[in-house]
Amino acid sequence: MQSVIKEIYLDNCSYSEKIKLSDEYWKMQEEYDEIFEKLLKGAIREQQDLLNALFETGGGLECLSGEINFAEGFKPGVRLVAESYK
């Protein structure tokens, strides 16, 4: 059975859709995309494949990191609620 925290994170409760990303995030994302496109343009086919694999792997790491950070941030809130009932 999957943990409740992971289930919430995986959007079974639609929390991730409510997150608003900052202007700073979108600016950085745009810079990232521009750099990635420049690298792809100047690369041979093998390098393009490697860059695409790196991009996909980085996205996977970001997802895992988000899940871990969500769970770790959730736990203190649960402890706070539990302590408030003492």
PDB file of N, CA and C in Angstrom:
ATOM      1  N   MET A   1       0.845  -1.192   0.000  1.00  0.00           N
ATOM      2  CA  MET A   1       0.000   0.000   0.000  1.00  0.00           C
ATOM      3  C   MET A   1       0.884   1.247   0.000  1.00  0.00           C
ATOM      4  N   GLN A   2       0.492   2.207  -0.763  1.00  0.00           N
ATOM      5  CA  GLN A   2       1.210   3.473  -0.917  1.00  0.00           C
ATOM      6  C   GLN A   2       0.927   4.386   0.283  1.00  0.00           C
ATOM      7  N   SER A   3       1.917   5.198   0.675  1.00  0.00           N
ATOM      8  CA  SER A   3       1.694   6.092   1.804  1.00  0.00           C
ATOM      9  C   SER A   3       0.691   7.177   1.432  1.00  0.00           C
ATOM     10  N   VAL A   4      -0.039   7.667   2.414  1.00  0.00           N
ATOM     11  CA  VAL A   4      -1.031   8.720   2.197  1.00  0.00           C
ATOM     12  C   VAL A   4      -0.339   9.991   1.721  1.00  0.00           C
ATOM     13  N   ILE A   5       0.832  10.289   2.270  1.00  0.00           N
ATOM     14  CA  ILE A   5       1.570  11.486   1.865  1.00  0.00           C
ATOM     15  C   ILE A   5       1.911  11.401   0.377  1.00  0.00           C
ATOM     16  N   LYS A   6       2.396  10.245  -0.065  1.00  0.00           N
ATOM     17  CA  LYS A   6       2.745  10.079  -1.477  1.00  0.00           C
ATOM     18  C   LYS A   6       1.490  10.167  -2.340  1.00  0.00           C
ATOM     19  N   GLU A   7       0.401   9.591  -1.886  1.00  0.00           N
ATOM     20  CA  GLU A   7      -0.856   9.640  -2.628  1.00  0.00           C
ATOM     21  C   GLU A   7      -1.332  11.081  -2.805  1.00  0.00           C
ATOM     22  N   ILE A   8      -1.234  11.872  -1.759  1.00  0.00           N
ATOM     23  CA  ILE A   8      -1.606  13.289  -1.853  1.00  0.00           C
ATOM     24  C   ILE A   8      -0.683  13.994  -2.828  1.00  0.00           C
ATOM     25  N   TYR A   9       0.619  13.735  -2.715  1.00  0.00           N
ATOM     26  CA  TYR A   9       1.594  14.375  -3.604  1.00  0.00           C
ATOM     27  C   TYR A   9       1.329  14.008  -5.062  1.00  0.00           C
ATOM     28  N   LEU A  10       0.996  12.763  -5.312  1.00  0.00           N
ATOM     29  CA  LEU A  10       0.799  12.299  -6.683  1.00  0.00           C
ATOM     30  C   LEU A  10      -0.506  12.813  -7.289  1.00  0.00           C
ATOM     31  N   ASP A  11      -1.101  13.765  -6.640  1.00  0.00           N
ATOM     32  CA  ASP A  11      -2.214  14.516  -7.198  1.00  0.00           C
ATOM     33  C   ASP A  11      -3.555  13.823  -7.077  1.00  0.00           C
ATOM     34  N   ASN A  12      -3.674  12.864  -6.222  1.00  0.00           N
ATOM     35  CA  ASN A  12      -4.981  12.263  -6.038  1.00  0.00           C
ATOM     36  C   ASN A  12      -5.929  13.239  -5.349  1.00  0.00           C
ATOM     37  N   CYS A  13      -5.391  14.343  -4.878  1.00  0.00           N
ATOM     38  CA  CYS A  13      -6.210  15.380  -4.253  1.00  0.00           C
ATOM     39  C   CYS A  13      -6.067  16.720  -4.974  1.00  0.00           C
ATOM     40  N   SER A  14      -5.392  16.747  -6.125  1.00  0.00           N
ATOM     41  CA  SER A  14      -5.236  17.930  -6.981  1.00  0.00           C
ATOM     42  C   SER A  14      -4.510  19.101  -6.334  1.00  0.00           C
ATOM     43  N   TYR A  15      -3.625  18.851  -5.380  1.00  0.00           N
ATOM     44  CA  TYR A  15      -2.878  19.947  -4.759  1.00  0.00           C
ATOM     45  C   TYR A  15      -1.861  20.553  -5.708  1.00  0.00           C
ATOM     46  N   SER A  16      -1.229  19.720  -6.534  1.00  0.00           N
ATOM     47  CA  SER A  16      -0.172  20.237  -7.406  1.00  0.00           C
ATOM     48  C   SER A  16      -0.709  21.235  -8.430  1.00  0.00           C
ATOM     49  N   GLU A  17      -1.965  21.121  -8.807  1.00  0.00           N
ATOM     50  CA  GLU A  17      -2.550  22.061  -9.757  1.00  0.00           C
ATOM     51  C   GLU A  17      -2.762  23.441  -9.138  1.00  0.00           C
ATOM     52  N   LYS A  18      -2.793  23.511  -7.829  1.00  0.00           N
ATOM     53  CA  LYS A  18      -3.045  24.774  -7.141  1.00  0.00           C
ATOM     54  C   LYS A  18      -1.776  25.581  -6.893  1.00  0.00           C
ATOM     55  N   ILE A  19      -0.626  24.986  -7.161  1.00  0.00           N
ATOM     56  CA  ILE A  19       0.641  25.660  -6.908  1.00  0.00           C
ATOM     57  C   ILE A  19       0.893  26.686  -8.002  1.00  0.00           C
ATOM     58  N   LYS A  20       1.141  27.921  -7.601  1.00  0.00           N
ATOM     59  CA  LYS A  20       1.442  28.994  -8.544  1.00  0.00           C
ATOM     60  C   LYS A  20       2.949  29.210  -8.537  1.00  0.00           C
ATOM     61  N   LEU A  21       3.553  29.083  -9.715  1.00  0.00           N
ATOM     62  CA  LEU A  21       4.990  29.275  -9.825  1.00  0.00           C
ATOM     63  C   LEU A  21       5.287  30.762  -9.988  1.00  0.00           C
ATOM     64  N   SER A  22       6.396  31.190  -9.414  1.00  0.00           N
ATOM     65  CA  SER A  22       6.756  32.608  -9.405  1.00  0.00           C
ATOM     66  C   SER A  22       7.254  33.080 -10.763  1.00  0.00           C
ATOM     67  N   ASP A  23       7.261  34.391 -10.939  1.00  0.00           N
ATOM     68  CA  ASP A  23       7.826  34.986 -12.147  1.00  0.00           C
ATOM     69  C   ASP A  23       9.300  34.616 -12.272  1.00  0.00           C
ATOM     70  N   GLU A  24       9.984  34.559 -11.134  1.00  0.00           N
ATOM     71  CA  GLU A  24      11.400  34.182 -11.125  1.00  0.00           C
ATOM     72  C   GLU A  24      11.580  32.770 -11.686  1.00  0.00           C
ATOM     73  N   TYR A  25      10.691  31.861 -11.317  1.00  0.00           N
ATOM     74  CA  TYR A  25      10.747  30.492 -11.830  1.00  0.00           C
ATOM     75  C   TYR A  25      10.608  30.489 -13.350  1.00  0.00           C
ATOM     76  N   TRP A  26       9.601  31.191 -13.855  1.00  0.00           N
ATOM     77  CA  TRP A  26       9.354  31.195 -15.298  1.00  0.00           C
ATOM     78  C   TRP A  26      10.495  31.856 -16.066  1.00  0.00           C
ATOM     79  N   LYS A  27      11.106  32.885 -15.477  1.00  0.00           N
ATOM     80  CA  LYS A  27      12.252  33.528 -16.116  1.00  0.00           C
ATOM     81  C   LYS A  27      13.410  32.533 -16.213  1.00  0.00           C
ATOM     82  N   MET A  28      13.661  31.821 -15.134  1.00  0.00           N
ATOM     83  CA  MET A  28      14.737  30.842 -15.117  1.00  0.00           C
ATOM     84  C   MET A  28      14.441  29.697 -16.090  1.00  0.00           C
ATOM     85  N   GLN A  29      13.180  29.290 -16.172  1.00  0.00           N
ATOM     86  CA  GLN A  29      12.780  28.227 -17.106  1.00  0.00           C
ATOM     87  C   GLN A  29      13.023  28.671 -18.547  1.00  0.00           C
ATOM     88  N   GLU A  30      12.715  29.913 -18.840  1.00  0.00           N
ATOM     89  CA  GLU A  30      12.943  30.452 -20.182  1.00  0.00           C
ATOM     90  C   GLU A  30      14.437  30.464 -20.525  1.00  0.00           C
ATOM     91  N   GLU A  31      15.260  30.883 -19.585  1.00  0.00           N
ATOM     92  CA  GLU A  31      16.714  30.875 -19.785  1.00  0.00           C
ATOM     93  C   GLU A  31      17.213  29.453 -20.019  1.00  0.00           C
ATOM     94  N   TYR A  32      16.716  28.524 -19.233  1.00  0.00           N
ATOM     95  CA  TYR A  32      17.095  27.117 -19.370  1.00  0.00           C
ATOM     96  C   TYR A  32      16.749  26.610 -20.762  1.00  0.00           C
ATOM     97  N   ASP A  33      15.525  26.900 -21.210  1.00  0.00           N
ATOM     98  CA  ASP A  33      15.080  26.457 -22.533  1.00  0.00           C
ATOM     99  C   ASP A  33      15.941  27.046 -23.644  1.00  0.00           C
ATOM    100  N   GLU A  34      16.293  28.324 -23.526  1.00  0.00           N
ATOM    101  CA  GLU A  34      17.123  28.981 -24.533  1.00  0.00           C
ATOM    102  C   GLU A  34      18.502  28.326 -24.611  1.00  0.00           C
ATOM    103  N   ILE A  35      19.107  28.073 -23.476  1.00  0.00           N
ATOM    104  CA  ILE A  35      20.427  27.433 -23.446  1.00  0.00           C
ATOM    105  C   ILE A  35      20.347  26.031 -24.038  1.00  0.00           C
ATOM    106  N   PHE A  36      19.323  25.291 -23.659  1.00  0.00           N
ATOM    107  CA  PHE A  36      19.144  23.927 -24.160  1.00  0.00           C
ATOM    108  C   PHE A  36      19.008  23.933 -25.685  1.00  0.00           C
ATOM    109  N   GLU A  37      18.205  24.847 -26.217  1.00  0.00           N
ATOM    110  CA  GLU A  37      18.014  24.930 -27.670  1.00  0.00           C
ATOM    111  C   GLU A  37      19.313  25.301 -28.384  1.00  0.00           C
ATOM    112  N   LYS A  38      20.092  26.214 -27.812  1.00  0.00           N
ATOM    113  CA  LYS A  38      21.379  26.584 -28.407  1.00  0.00           C
ATOM    114  C   LYS A  38      22.320  25.388 -28.446  1.00  0.00           C
ATOM    115  N   LEU A  39      22.338  24.620 -27.375  1.00  0.00           N
ATOM    116  CA  LEU A  39      23.188  23.431 -27.337  1.00  0.00           C
ATOM    117  C   LEU A  39      22.755  22.404 -28.381  1.00  0.00           C
ATOM    118  N   LEU A  40      21.437  22.225 -28.525  1.00  0.00           N
ATOM    119  CA  LEU A  40      20.942  21.270 -29.508  1.00  0.00           C
ATOM    120  C   LEU A  40      21.302  21.689 -30.929  1.00  0.00           C
ATOM    121  N   LYS A  41      21.195  22.971 -31.223  1.00  0.00           N
ATOM    122  CA  LYS A  41      21.484  23.461 -32.577  1.00  0.00           C
ATOM    123  C   LYS A  41      22.921  23.175 -33.000  1.00  0.00           C
ATOM    124  N   GLY A  42      23.862  23.335 -32.097  1.00  0.00           N
ATOM    125  CA  GLY A  42      25.266  23.160 -32.432  1.00  0.00           C
ATOM    126  C   GLY A  42      25.784  21.758 -32.248  1.00  0.00           C
ATOM    127  N   ALA A  43      24.907  20.818 -31.954  1.00  0.00           N
ATOM    128  CA  ALA A  43      25.359  19.464 -31.625  1.00  0.00           C
ATOM    129  C   ALA A  43      25.125  18.499 -32.782  1.00  0.00           C
ATOM    130  N   ILE A  44      25.993  17.491 -32.842  1.00  0.00           N
ATOM    131  CA  ILE A  44      25.767  16.411 -33.800  1.00  0.00           C
ATOM    132  C   ILE A  44      24.692  15.482 -33.224  1.00  0.00           C
ATOM    133  N   ARG A  45      24.196  14.561 -34.036  1.00  0.00           N
ATOM    134  CA  ARG A  45      23.077  13.697 -33.650  1.00  0.00           C
ATOM    135  C   ARG A  45      23.313  12.966 -32.316  1.00  0.00           C
ATOM    136  N   GLU A  46      24.493  12.403 -32.141  1.00  0.00           N
ATOM    137  CA  GLU A  46      24.789  11.672 -30.903  1.00  0.00           C
ATOM    138  C   GLU A  46      24.729  12.604 -29.692  1.00  0.00           C
ATOM    139  N   GLN A  47      25.254  13.808 -29.854  1.00  0.00           N
ATOM    140  CA  GLN A  47      25.222  14.789 -28.765  1.00  0.00           C
ATOM    141  C   GLN A  47      23.783  15.236 -28.484  1.00  0.00           C
ATOM    142  N   GLN A  48      22.979  15.377 -29.543  1.00  0.00           N
ATOM    143  CA  GLN A  48      21.577  15.748 -29.359  1.00  0.00           C
ATOM    144  C   GLN A  48      20.844  14.685 -28.554  1.00  0.00           C
ATOM    145  N   ASP A  49      21.123  13.431 -28.885  1.00  0.00           N
ATOM    146  CA  ASP A  49      20.502  12.326 -28.144  1.00  0.00           C
ATOM    147  C   ASP A  49      20.908  12.357 -26.672  1.00  0.00           C
ATOM    148  N   LEU A  50      22.184  12.622 -26.427  1.00  0.00           N
ATOM    149  CA  LEU A  50      22.670  12.703 -25.044  1.00  0.00           C
ATOM    150  C   LEU A  50      22.044  13.888 -24.301  1.00  0.00           C
ATOM    151  N   LEU A  51      21.933  15.019 -24.976  1.00  0.00           N
ATOM    152  CA  LEU A  51      21.314  16.194 -24.347  1.00  0.00           C
ATOM    153  C   LEU A  51      19.848  15.933 -24.019  1.00  0.00           C
ATOM    154  N   ASN A  52      19.143  15.281 -24.933  1.00  0.00           N
ATOM    155  CA  ASN A  52      17.741  14.940 -24.670  1.00  0.00           C
ATOM    156  C   ASN A  52      17.615  13.960 -23.506  1.00  0.00           C
ATOM    157  N   ALA A  53      18.513  12.985 -23.440  1.00  0.00           N
ATOM    158  CA  ALA A  53      18.506  12.036 -22.326  1.00  0.00           C
ATOM    159  C   ALA A  53      18.810  12.758 -21.010  1.00  0.00           C
ATOM    160  N   LEU A  54      19.754  13.688 -21.056  1.00  0.00           N
ATOM    161  CA  LEU A  54      20.085  14.470 -19.866  1.00  0.00           C
ATOM    162  C   LEU A  54      18.884  15.302 -19.421  1.00  0.00           C
ATOM    163  N   PHE A  55      18.201  15.905 -20.370  1.00  0.00           N
ATOM    164  CA  PHE A  55      17.021  16.709 -20.083  1.00  0.00           C
ATOM    165  C   PHE A  55      15.940  15.868 -19.413  1.00  0.00           C
ATOM    166  N   GLU A  56      15.673  14.691 -19.966  1.00  0.00           N
ATOM    167  CA  GLU A  56      14.656  13.799 -19.397  1.00  0.00           C
ATOM    168  C   GLU A  56      15.045  13.303 -18.018  1.00  0.00           C
ATOM    169  N   THR A  57      16.311  12.965 -17.834  1.00  0.00           N
ATOM    170  CA  THR A  57      16.787  12.506 -16.531  1.00  0.00           C
ATOM    171  C   THR A  57      16.690  13.620 -15.502  1.00  0.00           C
ATOM    172  N   GLY A  58      17.031  14.848 -15.915  1.00  0.00           N
ATOM    173  CA  GLY A  58      16.913  15.990 -15.017  1.00  0.00           C
ATOM    174  C   GLY A  58      15.477  16.216 -14.590  1.00  0.00           C
ATOM    175  N   GLY A  59      14.540  16.036 -15.516  1.00  0.00           N
ATOM    176  CA  GLY A  59      13.124  16.159 -15.175  1.00  0.00           C
ATOM    177  C   GLY A  59      12.701  15.103 -14.168  1.00  0.00           C
ATOM    178  N   GLY A  60      13.209  13.886 -14.340  1.00  0.00           N
ATOM    179  CA  GLY A  60      12.908  12.821 -13.389  1.00  0.00           C
ATOM    180  C   GLY A  60      13.460  13.126 -12.007  1.00  0.00           C
ATOM    181  N   LEU A  61      14.675  13.673 -11.980  1.00  0.00           N
ATOM    182  CA  LEU A  61      15.270  14.055 -10.692  1.00  0.00           C
ATOM    183  C   LEU A  61      14.454  15.155 -10.018  1.00  0.00           C
ATOM    184  N   GLU A  62      13.990  16.107 -10.823  1.00  0.00           N
ATOM    185  CA  GLU A  62      13.189  17.197 -10.265  1.00  0.00           C
ATOM    186  C   GLU A  62      11.881  16.668  -9.670  1.00  0.00           C
ATOM    187  N   CYS A  63      11.268  15.704 -10.349  1.00  0.00           N
ATOM    188  CA  CYS A  63      10.037  15.101  -9.828  1.00  0.00           C
ATOM    189  C   CYS A  63      10.279  14.371  -8.510  1.00  0.00           C
ATOM    190  N   LEU A  64      11.334  13.580  -8.468  1.00  0.00           N
ATOM    191  CA  LEU A  64      11.657  12.855  -7.234  1.00  0.00           C
ATOM    192  C   LEU A  64      11.989  13.818  -6.097  1.00  0.00           C
ATOM    193  N   SER A  65      12.735  14.856  -6.420  1.00  0.00           N
ATOM    194  CA  SER A  65      13.087  15.856  -5.416  1.00  0.00           C
ATOM    195  C   SER A  65      11.836  16.542  -4.885  1.00  0.00           C
ATOM    196  N   GLY A  66      10.923  16.877  -5.776  1.00  0.00           N
ATOM    197  CA  GLY A  66       9.671  17.506  -5.349  1.00  0.00           C
ATOM    198  C   GLY A  66       8.867  16.607  -4.430  1.00  0.00           C
ATOM    199  N   GLU A  67       8.822  15.322  -4.763  1.00  0.00           N
ATOM    200  CA  GLU A  67       8.086  14.365  -3.936  1.00  0.00           C
ATOM    201  C   GLU A  67       8.709  14.247  -2.547  1.00  0.00           C
ATOM    202  N   ILE A  68      10.023  14.151  -2.499  1.00  0.00           N
ATOM    203  CA  ILE A  68      10.727  14.033  -1.214  1.00  0.00           C
ATOM    204  C   ILE A  68      10.535  15.301  -0.386  1.00  0.00           C
ATOM    205  N   ASN A  69      10.691  16.459  -1.026  1.00  0.00           N
ATOM    206  CA  ASN A  69      10.535  17.725  -0.296  1.00  0.00           C
ATOM    207  C   ASN A  69       9.114  17.920   0.208  1.00  0.00           C
ATOM    208  N   PHE A  70       8.135  17.519  -0.592  1.00  0.00           N
ATOM    209  CA  PHE A  70       6.745  17.608  -0.162  1.00  0.00           C
ATOM    210  C   PHE A  70       6.510  16.753   1.078  1.00  0.00           C
ATOM    211  N   ALA A  71       6.977  15.503   1.016  1.00  0.00           N
ATOM    212  CA  ALA A  71       6.781  14.588   2.146  1.00  0.00           C
ATOM    213  C   ALA A  71       7.489  15.099   3.396  1.00  0.00           C
ATOM    214  N   GLU A  72       8.708  15.582   3.238  1.00  0.00           N
ATOM    215  CA  GLU A  72       9.456  16.069   4.397  1.00  0.00           C
ATOM    216  C   GLU A  72       8.832  17.337   4.968  1.00  0.00           C
ATOM    217  N   GLY A  73       8.254  18.163   4.131  1.00  0.00           N
ATOM    218  CA  GLY A  73       7.579  19.358   4.612  1.00  0.00           C
ATOM    219  C   GLY A  73       6.239  19.042   5.253  1.00  0.00           C
ATOM    220  N   PHE A  74       5.616  17.974   4.809  1.00  0.00           N
ATOM    221  CA  PHE A  74       4.317  17.557   5.322  1.00  0.00           C
ATOM    222  C   PHE A  74       4.426  16.995   6.738  1.00  0.00           C
ATOM    223  N   LYS A  75       5.499  16.288   6.991  1.00  0.00           N
ATOM    224  CA  LYS A  75       5.672  15.612   8.280  1.00  0.00           C
ATOM    225  C   LYS A  75       5.659  16.555   9.484  1.00  0.00           C
ATOM    226  N   PRO A  76       6.349  17.706   9.441  1.00  0.00           N
ATOM    227  CA  PRO A  76       6.290  18.611  10.592  1.00  0.00           C
ATOM    228  C   PRO A  76       4.865  19.119  10.844  1.00  0.00           C
ATOM    229  N   GLY A  77       4.101  19.307   9.766  1.00  0.00           N
ATOM    230  CA  GLY A  77       2.713  19.734   9.928  1.00  0.00           C
ATOM    231  C   GLY A  77       1.887  18.687  10.654  1.00  0.00           C
ATOM    232  N   VAL A  78       2.115  17.436  10.327  1.00  0.00           N
ATOM    233  CA  VAL A  78       1.400  16.345  10.993  1.00  0.00           C
ATOM    234  C   VAL A  78       1.807  16.278  12.460  1.00  0.00           C
ATOM    235  N   ARG A  79       3.106  16.433  12.723  1.00  0.00           N
ATOM    236  CA  ARG A  79       3.568  16.419  14.116  1.00  0.00           C
ATOM    237  C   ARG A  79       2.969  17.586  14.896  1.00  0.00           C
ATOM    238  N   LEU A  80       2.844  18.737  14.249  1.00  0.00           N
ATOM    239  CA  LEU A  80       2.254  19.910  14.893  1.00  0.00           C
ATOM    240  C   LEU A  80       0.801  19.652  15.262  1.00  0.00           C
ATOM    241  N   VAL A  81       0.052  19.051  14.345  1.00  0.00           N
ATOM    242  CA  VAL A  81      -1.344  18.721  14.627  1.00  0.00           C
ATOM    243  C   VAL A  81      -1.426  17.709  15.768  1.00  0.00           C
ATOM    244  N   ALA A  82      -0.582  16.674  15.733  1.00  0.00           N
ATOM    245  CA  ALA A  82      -0.591  15.655  16.780  1.00  0.00           C
ATOM    246  C   ALA A  82      -0.271  16.285  18.139  1.00  0.00           C
ATOM    247  N   GLU A  83       0.714  17.184  18.166  1.00  0.00           N
ATOM    248  CA  GLU A  83       1.100  17.825  19.420  1.00  0.00           C
ATOM    249  C   GLU A  83      -0.010  18.732  19.943  1.00  0.00           C
ATOM    250  N   SER A  84      -0.799  19.314  19.050  1.00  0.00           N
ATOM    251  CA  SER A  84      -1.852  20.217  19.498  1.00  0.00           C
ATOM    252  C   SER A  84      -2.962  19.470  20.220  1.00  0.00           C
ATOM    253  N   TYR A  85      -3.030  18.142  20.068  1.00  0.00           N
ATOM    254  CA  TYR A  85      -4.046  17.348  20.754  1.00  0.00           C
ATOM    255  C   TYR A  85      -3.568  16.831  22.112  1.00  0.00           C
ATOM    256  N   LYS A  86      -2.321  17.143  22.488  1.00  0.00           N
ATOM    257  CA  LYS A  86      -1.797  16.668  23.779  1.00  0.00           C
ATOM    258  C   LYS A  86      -2.344  17.497  24.907  1.00  0.00           C
TER     259      LYS A  86
END
